[in-house]
All heavy atoms as atom14 arrays in JSON, in Angstrom:
{
  "sequence": "AFFWLLSLLAASLLWFVSVQLSGREDAALLLLGAAAAVL",
  "atom14_mask": [
    [1, 1, 1, 1, 1, 0, 0, 0, 0, 0, 0, 0, 0, 0],
    [1, 1, 1, 1, 1, 1, 1, 1, 1, 1, 1, 0, 0, 0],
    [1, 1, 1, 1, 1, 1, 1, 1, 1, 1, 1, 0, 0, 0],
    [1, 1, 1, 1, 1, 1, 1, 1, 1, 1, 1, 1, 1, 1],
    [1, 1, 1, 1, 1, 1, 1, 1, 0, 0, 0, 0, 0, 0],
    [1, 1, 1, 1, 1, 1, 1, 1, 0, 0, 0, 0, 0, 0],
    [1, 1, 1, 1, 1, 1, 0, 0, 0, 0, 0, 0, 0, 0],
    [1, 1, 1, 1, 1, 1, 1, 1, 0, 0, 0, 0, 0, 0],
    [1, 1, 1, 1, 1, 1, 1, 1, 0, 0, 0, 0, 0, 0],
    [1, 1, 1, 1, 1, 0, 0, 0, 0, 0, 0, 0, 0, 0],
    [1, 1, 1, 1, 1, 0, 0, 0, 0, 0, 0, 0, 0, 0],
    [1, 1, 1, 1, 1, 1, 0, 0, 0, 0, 0, 0, 0, 0],
    [1, 1, 1, 1, 1, 1, 1, 1, 0, 0, 0, 0, 0, 0],
    [1, 1, 1, 1, 1, 1, 1, 1, 0, 0, 0, 0, 0, 0],
    [1, 1, 1, 1, 1, 1, 1, 1, 1, 1, 1, 1, 1, 1],
    [1, 1, 1, 1, 1, 1, 1, 1, 1, 1, 1, 0, 0, 0],
    [1, 1, 1, 1, 1, 1, 1, 0, 0, 0, 0, 0, 0, 0],
    [1, 1, 1, 1, 1, 1, 0, 0, 0, 0, 0, 0, 0, 0],
    [1, 1, 1, 1, 1, 1, 1, 0, 0, 0, 0, 0, 0, 0],
    [1, 1, 1, 1, 1, 1, 1, 1, 1, 0, 0, 0, 0, 0],
    [1, 1, 1, 1, 1, 1, 1, 1, 0, 0, 0, 0, 0, 0],
    [1, 1, 1, 1, 1, 1, 0, 0, 0, 0, 0, 0, 0, 0],
    [1, 1, 1, 1, 0, 0, 0, 0, 0, 0, 0, 0, 0, 0],
    [1, 1, 1, 1, 1, 1, 1, 1, 1, 1, 1, 0, 0, 0],
    [1, 1, 1, 1, 1, 1, 1, 1, 1, 0, 0, 0, 0, 0],
    [1, 1, 1, 1, 1, 1, 1, 1, 0, 0, 0, 0, 0, 0],
    [1, 1, 1, 1, 1, 0, 0, 0, 0, 0, 0, 0, 0, 0],
    [1, 1, 1, 1, 1, 0, 0, 0, 0, 0, 0, 0, 0, 0],
    [1, 1, 1, 1, 1, 1, 1, 1, 0, 0, 0, 0, 0, 0],
    [1, 1, 1, 1, 1, 1, 1, 1, 0, 0, 0, 0, 0, 0],
    [1, 1, 1, 1, 1, 1, 1, 1, 0, 0, 0, 0, 0, 0],
    [1, 1, 1, 1, 1, 1, 1, 1, 0, 0, 0, 0, 0, 0],
    [1, 1, 1, 1, 0, 0, 0, 0, 0, 0, 0, 0, 0, 0],
    [1, 1, 1, 1, 1, 0, 0, 0, 0, 0, 0, 0, 0, 0],
    [1, 1, 1, 1, 1, 0, 0, 0, 0, 0, 0, 0, 0, 0],
    [1, 1, 1, 1, 1, 0, 0, 0, 0, 0, 0, 0, 0, 0],
    [1, 1, 1, 1, 1, 0, 0, 0, 0, 0, 0, 0, 0, 0],
    [1, 1, 1, 1, 1, 1, 1, 0, 0, 0, 0, 0, 0, 0],
    [1, 1, 1, 1, 1, 1, 1, 1, 0, 0, 0, 0, 0, 0]
  ],
  "atom14_positions": [
    [[0.83, -1.2, 0.0], [0.0, 0.0, 0.0], [0.88, 1.26, 0.0], [0.55, 2.25, -0.64], [-0.93, -0.01, 1.21], [0.0, 0.0, 0.0], [0.0, 0.0, 0.0], [0.0, 0.0, 0.0], [0.0, 0.0, 0.0], [0.0, 0.0, 0.0], [0.0, 0.0, 0.0], [0.0, 0.0, 0.0], [0.0, 0.0, 0.0], [0.0, 0.0, 0.0]],
    [[1.99, 1.2, 0.72], [2.9, 2.34, 0.77], [3.48, 2.63, -0.61], [3.6, 3.8, -1.02], [4.02, 2.06, 1.76], [5.09, 3.12, 1.78], [4.86, 4.36, 2.36], [6.33, 2.88, 1.21], [5.85, 5.34, 2.36], [7.33, 3.84, 1.23], [7.09, 5.08, 1.8], [0.0, 0.0, 0.0], [0.0, 0.0, 0.0], [0.0, 0.0, 0.0]],
    [[3.81, 1.59, -1.36], [4.36, 1.79, -2.7], [3.32, 2.39, -3.63], [3.65, 3.22, -4.5], [4.89, 0.46, -3.26], [6.26, 0.1, -2.77], [6.42, -0.72, -1.67], [7.39, 0.59, -3.4], [7.68, -1.05, -1.21], [8.66, 0.27, -2.96], [8.81, -0.55, -1.86], [0.0, 0.0, 0.0], [0.0, 0.0, 0.0], [0.0, 0.0, 0.0]],
    [[2.06, 1.99, -3.48], [1.01, 2.59, -4.31], [0.86, 4.07, -3.97], [0.64, 4.9, -4.86], [-0.31, 1.85, -4.11], [-1.37, 2.3, -5.07], [-1.63, 1.77, -6.3], [-2.29, 3.38, -4.9], [-2.66, 2.46, -6.92], [-3.08, 3.46, -6.07], [-2.52, 4.31, -3.88], [-4.09, 4.39, -6.24], [-3.52, 5.25, -4.05], [-4.3, 5.29, -5.21]],
    [[0.94, 4.41, -2.68], [0.85, 5.81, -2.27], [2.02, 6.62, -2.84], [1.86, 7.79, -3.19], [0.82, 5.91, -0.75], [-0.46, 5.41, -0.08], [-0.29, 5.39, 1.44], [-1.64, 6.28, -0.46], [0.0, 0.0, 0.0], [0.0, 0.0, 0.0], [0.0, 0.0, 0.0], [0.0, 0.0, 0.0], [0.0, 0.0, 0.0], [0.0, 0.0, 0.0]],
    [[3.19, 5.99, -2.94], [4.33, 6.68, -3.56], [4.03, 6.99, -5.03], [4.36, 8.08, -5.53], [5.58, 5.82, -3.45], [6.27, 5.75, -2.09], [7.49, 4.84, -2.16], [6.66, 7.14, -1.6], [0.0, 0.0, 0.0], [0.0, 0.0, 0.0], [0.0, 0.0, 0.0], [0.0, 0.0, 0.0], [0.0, 0.0, 0.0], [0.0, 0.0, 0.0]],
    [[3.43, 6.03, -5.72], [3.08, 6.27, -7.13], [2.04, 7.37, -7.25], [2.08, 8.19, -8.18], [2.56, 4.98, -7.76], [1.28, 4.63, -7.26], [0.0, 0.0, 0.0], [0.0, 0.0, 0.0], [0.0, 0.0, 0.0], [0.0, 0.0, 0.0], [0.0, 0.0, 0.0], [0.0, 0.0, 0.0], [0.0, 0.0, 0.0], [0.0, 0.0, 0.0]],
    [[1.09, 7.42, -6.31], [0.08, 8.48, -6.33], [0.72, 9.85, -6.1], [0.37, 10.83, -6.77], [-0.97, 8.21, -5.26], [-2.09, 9.26, -5.12], [-2.93, 9.31, -6.38], [-2.96, 8.95, -3.91], [0.0, 0.0, 0.0], [0.0, 0.0, 0.0], [0.0, 0.0, 0.0], [0.0, 0.0, 0.0], [0.0, 0.0, 0.0], [0.0, 0.0, 0.0]],
    [[1.68, 9.92, -5.18], [2.39, 11.18, -4.92], [3.16, 11.62, -6.15], [3.12, 12.81, -6.53], [3.33, 11.0, -3.73], [4.23, 12.2, -3.39], [3.38, 13.41, -3.01], [5.19, 11.84, -2.26], [0.0, 0.0, 0.0], [0.0, 0.0, 0.0], [0.0, 0.0, 0.0], [0.0, 0.0, 0.0], [0.0, 0.0, 0.0], [0.0, 0.0, 0.0]],
    [[3.86, 10.68, -6.79], [4.63, 11.03, -7.98], [3.72, 11.48, -9.12], [4.01, 12.45, -9.83], [5.46, 9.82, -8.42], [0.0, 0.0, 0.0], [0.0, 0.0, 0.0], [0.0, 0.0, 0.0], [0.0, 0.0, 0.0], [0.0, 0.0, 0.0], [0.0, 0.0, 0.0], [0.0, 0.0, 0.0], [0.0, 0.0, 0.0], [0.0, 0.0, 0.0]],
    [[2.58, 10.79, -9.29], [1.64, 11.19, -10.34], [1.03, 12.56, -10.06], [0.83, 13.37, -10.98], [0.53, 10.14, -10.46], [0.0, 0.0, 0.0], [0.0, 0.0, 0.0], [0.0, 0.0, 0.0], [0.0, 0.0, 0.0], [0.0, 0.0, 0.0], [0.0, 0.0, 0.0], [0.0, 0.0, 0.0], [0.0, 0.0, 0.0], [0.0, 0.0, 0.0]],
    [[0.75, 12.85, -8.79], [0.2, 14.16, -8.43], [1.2, 15.28, -8.71], [0.83, 16.35, -9.23], [-0.2, 14.17, -6.95], [-1.16, 13.18, -6.68], [0.0, 0.0, 0.0], [0.0, 0.0, 0.0], [0.0, 0.0, 0.0], [0.0, 0.0, 0.0], [0.0, 0.0, 0.0], [0.0, 0.0, 0.0], [0.0, 0.0, 0.0], [0.0, 0.0, 0.0]],
    [[2.45, 15.05, -8.36], [3.48, 16.05, -8.64], [3.65, 16.27, -10.14], [3.81, 17.41, -10.6], [4.8, 15.62, -8.01], [4.86, 15.64, -6.47], [6.18, 15.05, -5.98], [4.66, 17.05, -5.93], [0.0, 0.0, 0.0], [0.0, 0.0, 0.0], [0.0, 0.0, 0.0], [0.0, 0.0, 0.0], [0.0, 0.0, 0.0], [0.0, 0.0, 0.0]],
    [[3.62, 15.16, -10.89], [3.75, 15.27, -12.35], [2.58, 16.04, -12.95], [2.76, 16.87, -13.85], [3.84, 13.86, -12.96], [4.02, 13.79, -14.48], [5.33, 14.45, -14.89], [3.99, 12.33, -14.94], [0.0, 0.0, 0.0], [0.0, 0.0, 0.0], [0.0, 0.0, 0.0], [0.0, 0.0, 0.0], [0.0, 0.0, 0.0], [0.0, 0.0, 0.0]],
    [[1.37, 15.77, -12.44], [0.19, 16.49, -12.93], [0.27, 17.98, -12.6], [-0.04, 18.82, -13.44], [-1.06, 15.87, -12.32], [-2.31, 16.64, -12.57], [-2.97, 17.47, -11.72], [-3.06, 16.66, -13.8], [-4.09, 18.02, -12.33], [-4.16, 17.53, -13.6], [-2.9, 16.04, -15.03], [-5.09, 17.77, -14.59], [-3.84, 16.29, -16.02], [-4.92, 17.14, -15.8]],
    [[0.71, 18.3, -11.4], [0.82, 19.7, -10.99], [1.81, 20.45, -11.87], [1.54, 21.56, -12.33], [1.25, 19.77, -9.53], [1.46, 21.16, -9.02], [0.37, 21.97, -8.68], [2.74, 21.68, -8.88], [0.57, 23.27, -8.22], [2.94, 22.97, -8.42], [1.85, 23.77, -8.1], [0.0, 0.0, 0.0], [0.0, 0.0, 0.0], [0.0, 0.0, 0.0]],
    [[2.96, 19.83, -12.12], [3.98, 20.48, -12.95], [3.48, 20.64, -14.38], [3.68, 21.69, -15.02], [5.29, 19.66, -12.91], [6.29, 20.22, -13.92], [5.89, 19.68, -11.52], [0.0, 0.0, 0.0], [0.0, 0.0, 0.0], [0.0, 0.0, 0.0], [0.0, 0.0, 0.0], [0.0, 0.0, 0.0], [0.0, 0.0, 0.0], [0.0, 0.0, 0.0]],
    [[2.79, 19.62, -14.91], [2.3, 19.68, -16.29], [1.26, 20.78, -16.46], [1.28, 21.52, -17.46], [1.68, 18.32, -16.69], [2.63, 17.29, -16.58], [0.0, 0.0, 0.0], [0.0, 0.0, 0.0], [0.0, 0.0, 0.0], [0.0, 0.0, 0.0], [0.0, 0.0, 0.0], [0.0, 0.0, 0.0], [0.0, 0.0, 0.0], [0.0, 0.0, 0.0]],
    [[0.36, 20.91, -15.49], [-0.66, 21.95, -15.57], [-0.04, 23.34, -15.47], [-0.43, 24.27, -16.19], [-1.72, 21.74, -14.47], [-2.66, 22.94, -14.38], [-2.52, 20.47, -14.73], [0.0, 0.0, 0.0], [0.0, 0.0, 0.0], [0.0, 0.0, 0.0], [0.0, 0.0, 0.0], [0.0, 0.0, 0.0], [0.0, 0.0, 0.0], [0.0, 0.0, 0.0]],
    [[0.96, 23.48, -14.59], [1.6, 24.79, -14.44], [2.38, 25.19, -15.68], [2.37, 26.37, -16.07], [2.55, 24.76, -13.23], [1.83, 24.61, -11.89], [0.9, 25.76, -11.59], [1.23, 26.93, -11.83], [-0.27, 25.45, -11.05], [0.0, 0.0, 0.0], [0.0, 0.0, 0.0], [0.0, 0.0, 0.0], [0.0, 0.0, 0.0], [0.0, 0.0, 0.0]],
    [[3.01, 24.22, -16.34], [3.8, 24.53, -17.53], [2.92, 24.78, -18.76], [3.22, 25.66, -19.57], [4.78, 23.39, -17.82], [5.91, 23.2, -16.8], [6.77, 22.0, -17.16], [6.78, 24.46, -16.71], [0.0, 0.0, 0.0], [0.0, 0.0, 0.0], [0.0, 0.0, 0.0], [0.0, 0.0, 0.0], [0.0, 0.0, 0.0], [0.0, 0.0, 0.0]],
    [[1.87, 24.0, -18.89], [1.01, 24.14, -20.07], [-0.08, 25.19, -19.89], [-0.56, 25.77, -20.86], [0.35, 22.79, -20.41], [-0.48, 22.36, -19.33], [0.0, 0.0, 0.0], [0.0, 0.0, 0.0], [0.0, 0.0, 0.0], [0.0, 0.0, 0.0], [0.0, 0.0, 0.0], [0.0, 0.0, 0.0], [0.0, 0.0, 0.0], [0.0, 0.0, 0.0]],
    [[-0.49, 25.42, -18.64], [-1.53, 26.39, -18.37], [-2.91, 25.96, -18.82], [-3.8, 26.8, -19.04], [0.0, 0.0, 0.0], [0.0, 0.0, 0.0], [0.0, 0.0, 0.0], [0.0, 0.0, 0.0], [0.0, 0.0, 0.0], [0.0, 0.0, 0.0], [0.0, 0.0, 0.0], [0.0, 0.0, 0.0], [0.0, 0.0, 0.0], [0.0, 0.0, 0.0]],
    [[-3.15, 24.67, -18.99], [-4.45, 24.17, -19.42], [-4.7, 22.8, -18.79], [-3.79, 22.12, -18.34], [-4.52, 24.06, -20.94], [-3.43, 23.17, -21.55], [-3.41, 23.25, -23.07], [-2.32, 22.46, -23.63], [-2.41, 21.18, -23.93], [-3.54, 20.53, -23.7], [-1.38, 20.52, -24.45], [0.0, 0.0, 0.0], [0.0, 0.0, 0.0], [0.0, 0.0, 0.0]],
    [[-5.99, 22.4, -18.79], [-6.39, 21.11, -18.26], [-7.41, 20.48, -19.2], [-8.57, 20.3, -18.85], [-6.99, 21.25, -16.85], [-6.03, 21.77, -15.8], [-6.66, 21.81, -14.42], [-7.65, 21.08, -14.19], [-6.18, 22.57, -13.57], [0.0, 0.0, 0.0], [0.0, 0.0, 0.0], [0.0, 0.0, 0.0], [0.0, 0.0, 0.0], [0.0, 0.0, 0.0]],
    [[-6.99, 20.13, -20.41], [-7.91, 19.57, -21.39], [-7.91, 18.04, -21.31], [-7.2, 17.43, -20.49], [-7.56, 20.04, -22.8], [-6.1, 19.74, -23.14], [-5.42, 19.1, -22.32], [-5.65, 20.15, -24.23], [0.0, 0.0, 0.0], [0.0, 0.0, 0.0], [0.0, 0.0, 0.0], [0.0, 0.0, 0.0], [0.0, 0.0, 0.0], [0.0, 0.0, 0.0]],
    [[-8.71, 17.43, -22.17], [-8.86, 15.98, -22.15], [-7.57, 15.25, -22.52], [-7.26, 14.19, -21.98], [-9.99, 15.57, -23.1], [0.0, 0.0, 0.0], [0.0, 0.0, 0.0], [0.0, 0.0, 0.0], [0.0, 0.0, 0.0], [0.0, 0.0, 0.0], [0.0, 0.0, 0.0], [0.0, 0.0, 0.0], [0.0, 0.0, 0.0], [0.0, 0.0, 0.0]],
    [[-6.81, 15.82, -23.46], [-5.56, 15.17, -23.88], [-4.56, 15.11, -22.73], [-3.91, 14.08, -22.51], [-4.95, 15.93, -25.06], [0.0, 0.0, 0.0], [0.0, 0.0, 0.0], [0.0, 0.0, 0.0], [0.0, 0.0, 0.0], [0.0, 0.0, 0.0], [0.0, 0.0, 0.0], [0.0, 0.0, 0.0], [0.0, 0.0, 0.0], [0.0, 0.0, 0.0]],
    [[-4.47, 16.2, -21.99], [-3.55, 16.21, -20.84], [-4.04, 15.24, -19.76], [-3.22, 14.59, -19.09], [-3.45, 17.62, -20.28], [-2.41, 17.84, -19.18], [-1.01, 17.55, -19.7], [-2.48, 19.26, -18.63], [0.0, 0.0, 0.0], [0.0, 0.0, 0.0], [0.0, 0.0, 0.0], [0.0, 0.0, 0.0], [0.0, 0.0, 0.0], [0.0, 0.0, 0.0]],
    [[-5.36, 15.12, -19.61], [-5.9, 14.19, -18.62], [-5.6, 12.75, -19.0], [-5.27, 11.92, -18.14], [-7.41, 14.41, -18.5], [-8.11, 13.67, -17.35], [-7.55, 14.1, -16.01], [-9.62, 13.91, -17.4], [0.0, 0.0, 0.0], [0.0, 0.0, 0.0], [0.0, 0.0, 0.0], [0.0, 0.0, 0.0], [0.0, 0.0, 0.0], [0.0, 0.0, 0.0]],
    [[-5.69, 12.43, -20.28], [-5.37, 11.07, -20.75], [-3.89, 10.76, -20.52], [-3.54, 9.66, -20.07], [-5.71, 10.94, -22.23], [-7.18, 10.73, -22.58], [-7.39, 10.86, -24.09], [-7.65, 9.37, -22.09], [0.0, 0.0, 0.0], [0.0, 0.0, 0.0], [0.0, 0.0, 0.0], [0.0, 0.0, 0.0], [0.0, 0.0, 0.0], [0.0, 0.0, 0.0]],
    [[-3.03, 11.72, -20.84], [-1.6, 11.52, -20.6], [-1.31, 11.37, -19.12], [-0.45, 10.56, -18.72], [-0.81, 12.69, -21.19], [-0.77, 12.8, -22.71], [-0.06, 14.08, -23.14], [-0.09, 11.58, -23.32], [0.0, 0.0, 0.0], [0.0, 0.0, 0.0], [0.0, 0.0, 0.0], [0.0, 0.0, 0.0], [0.0, 0.0, 0.0], [0.0, 0.0, 0.0]],
    [[-2.0, 12.13, -18.28], [-1.81, 12.02, -16.84], [-2.24, 10.66, -16.31], [-1.56, 10.08, -15.45], [0.0, 0.0, 0.0], [0.0, 0.0, 0.0], [0.0, 0.0, 0.0], [0.0, 0.0, 0.0], [0.0, 0.0, 0.0], [0.0, 0.0, 0.0], [0.0, 0.0, 0.0], [0.0, 0.0, 0.0], [0.0, 0.0, 0.0], [0.0, 0.0, 0.0]],
    [[-3.35, 10.14, -16.83], [-3.82, 8.81, -16.4], [-2.84, 7.72, -16.83], [-2.55, 6.79, -16.07], [-5.19, 8.54, -16.98], [0.0, 0.0, 0.0], [0.0, 0.0, 0.0], [0.0, 0.0, 0.0], [0.0, 0.0, 0.0], [0.0, 0.0, 0.0], [0.0, 0.0, 0.0], [0.0, 0.0, 0.0], [0.0, 0.0, 0.0], [0.0, 0.0, 0.0]],
    [[-2.31, 7.83, -18.06], [-1.33, 6.85, -18.54], [-0.05, 6.91, -17.71], [0.53, 5.87, -17.36], [-1.02, 7.11, -20.01], [0.0, 0.0, 0.0], [0.0, 0.0, 0.0], [0.0, 0.0, 0.0], [0.0, 0.0, 0.0], [0.0, 0.0, 0.0], [0.0, 0.0, 0.0], [0.0, 0.0, 0.0], [0.0, 0.0, 0.0], [0.0, 0.0, 0.0]],
    [[0.38, 8.13, -17.38], [1.59, 8.27, -16.54], [1.35, 7.69, -15.15], [2.25, 7.06, -14.57], [1.97, 9.74, -16.44], [0.0, 0.0, 0.0], [0.0, 0.0, 0.0], [0.0, 0.0, 0.0], [0.0, 0.0, 0.0], [0.0, 0.0, 0.0], [0.0, 0.0, 0.0], [0.0, 0.0, 0.0], [0.0, 0.0, 0.0], [0.0, 0.0, 0.0]],
    [[0.15, 7.88, -14.6], [-0.16, 7.32, -13.29], [-0.12, 5.8, -13.3], [0.38, 5.16, -12.36], [-1.54, 7.81, -12.83], [0.0, 0.0, 0.0], [0.0, 0.0, 0.0], [0.0, 0.0, 0.0], [0.0, 0.0, 0.0], [0.0, 0.0, 0.0], [0.0, 0.0, 0.0], [0.0, 0.0, 0.0], [0.0, 0.0, 0.0], [0.0, 0.0, 0.0]],
    [[-0.63, 5.19, -14.38], [-0.59, 3.73, -14.51], [0.85, 3.23, -14.57], [1.22, 2.26, -13.91], [-1.38, 3.28, -15.75], [-1.12, 1.82, -16.07], [-2.87, 3.52, -15.54], [0.0, 0.0, 0.0], [0.0, 0.0, 0.0], [0.0, 0.0, 0.0], [0.0, 0.0, 0.0], [0.0, 0.0, 0.0], [0.0, 0.0, 0.0], [0.0, 0.0, 0.0]],
    [[1.67, 3.89, -15.39], [3.07, 3.47, -15.52], [3.82, 3.64, -14.2], [4.66, 2.79, -13.85], [3.74, 4.29, -16.62], [3.19, 4.06, -18.04], [3.9, 4.99, -19.03], [3.36, 2.61, -18.47], [0.0, 0.0, 0.0], [0.0, 0.0, 0.0], [0.0, 0.0, 0.0], [0.0, 0.0, 0.0], [0.0, 0.0, 0.0], [0.0, 0.0, 0.0]]
  ]
}
């Protein structure tokens, strides 16, 4: 469970950085974020 929480933290940080750099939250970015979270 701890390792899954680590992946959630990493995915959240990646999403935050992506939104700040792109300045948008469209469907394409959401799909990429979900794929990154799975990986």
